[in-house]
């Protein structure tokens, strides 16, 4: 897990409960269930397509146990 993801999850008291899509690498056969969708937030769209690499350079930390 990256420090950036952990910081966001800690700010919402969610470490060990969920992961952020933008930070999780998924293979084609992985199933995910989004908790927040564009429709549920009222946003205009999902945002830009993620790049092939994590930016800025990630600082890796131990993932909390759930």
Protein backbone atom coordinates (compact mmCIF):
# COMPACT_ATOMS: atom_id res chain seq x y z
CA UNK A 1 0.00 0.00 0.00
CA UNK A 2 1.27 3.50 -0.70
CA UNK A 3 1.58 6.22 1.93
CA UNK A 4 -0.85 8.35 -0.14
CA UNK A 5 -3.56 5.67 -0.02
CA UNK A 6 -3.05 5.05 3.70
CA UNK A 7 -3.27 8.80 4.43
CA UNK A 8 -6.62 9.05 2.61
CA UNK A 9 -8.00 5.95 4.33
CA UNK A 10 -6.85 7.18 7.76
CA UNK A 11 -8.54 10.54 7.17
CA UNK A 12 -11.82 8.63 6.78
CA UNK A 13 -11.18 6.02 9.49
CA UNK A 14 -11.12 3.20 6.90
CA UNK A 15 -7.68 1.50 7.08
CA UNK A 16 -8.05 -2.27 6.79
CA UNK A 17 -11.66 -1.92 5.61
CA UNK A 18 -11.41 -0.84 1.95
CA UNK A 19 -8.87 -0.06 -0.77
CA UNK A 20 -8.83 2.84 -3.23
CA UNK A 21 -9.35 1.80 -6.86
CA UNK A 22 -6.85 4.39 -8.00
CA UNK A 23 -4.14 2.67 -5.95
CA UNK A 24 -4.90 -1.04 -6.51
CA UNK A 25 -3.38 -2.98 -9.39
CA UNK A 26 -6.01 -5.42 -10.73
CA UNK A 27 -5.55 -8.34 -13.11
CA UNK A 28 -8.32 -9.00 -15.67
CA UNK A 29 -9.88 -11.75 -13.54
CA UNK A 30 -10.17 -9.71 -10.32
CA UNK A 31 -13.68 -8.81 -9.17
CA UNK A 32 -14.25 -5.44 -7.49
CA UNK A 33 -17.33 -3.83 -5.98
CA UNK A 34 -17.23 -0.02 -5.98
CA UNK A 35 -18.68 1.60 -2.87
CA UNK A 36 -18.86 5.06 -4.47
CA UNK A 37 -19.83 5.57 -8.12
CA UNK A 38 -20.06 8.61 -10.40
CA UNK A 39 -23.85 8.29 -10.33
CA UNK A 40 -24.00 8.20 -6.53
CA UNK A 41 -21.82 11.32 -6.18
CA UNK A 42 -23.46 13.47 -8.84
CA UNK A 43 -20.10 14.18 -10.53
CA UNK A 44 -19.89 14.95 -14.26
CA UNK A 45 -17.66 11.96 -14.98
CA UNK A 46 -15.13 9.52 -13.59
CA UNK A 47 -12.10 11.72 -14.22
CA UNK A 48 -9.11 11.03 -16.40
CA UNK A 49 -7.92 7.53 -17.28
CA UNK A 50 -5.28 6.23 -14.86
CA UNK A 51 -1.72 6.09 -16.14
CA UNK A 52 0.28 2.88 -16.40
CA UNK A 53 2.40 3.78 -13.34
CA UNK A 54 1.76 5.29 -9.92
CA UNK A 55 2.65 8.99 -9.76
CA UNK A 56 4.25 10.57 -7.88
CA UNK A 57 6.79 7.86 -7.03
CA UNK A 58 5.13 5.74 -4.30
CA UNK A 59 6.34 5.41 -0.74
CA UNK A 60 5.40 1.84 0.25
CA UNK A 61 4.07 1.13 3.75
CA UNK A 62 2.68 -1.93 5.55
CA UNK A 63 -1.02 -2.43 4.83
CA UNK A 64 -3.16 -2.46 8.01
CA UNK A 65 -4.83 -5.77 8.86
CA UNK A 66 -8.60 -5.70 8.46
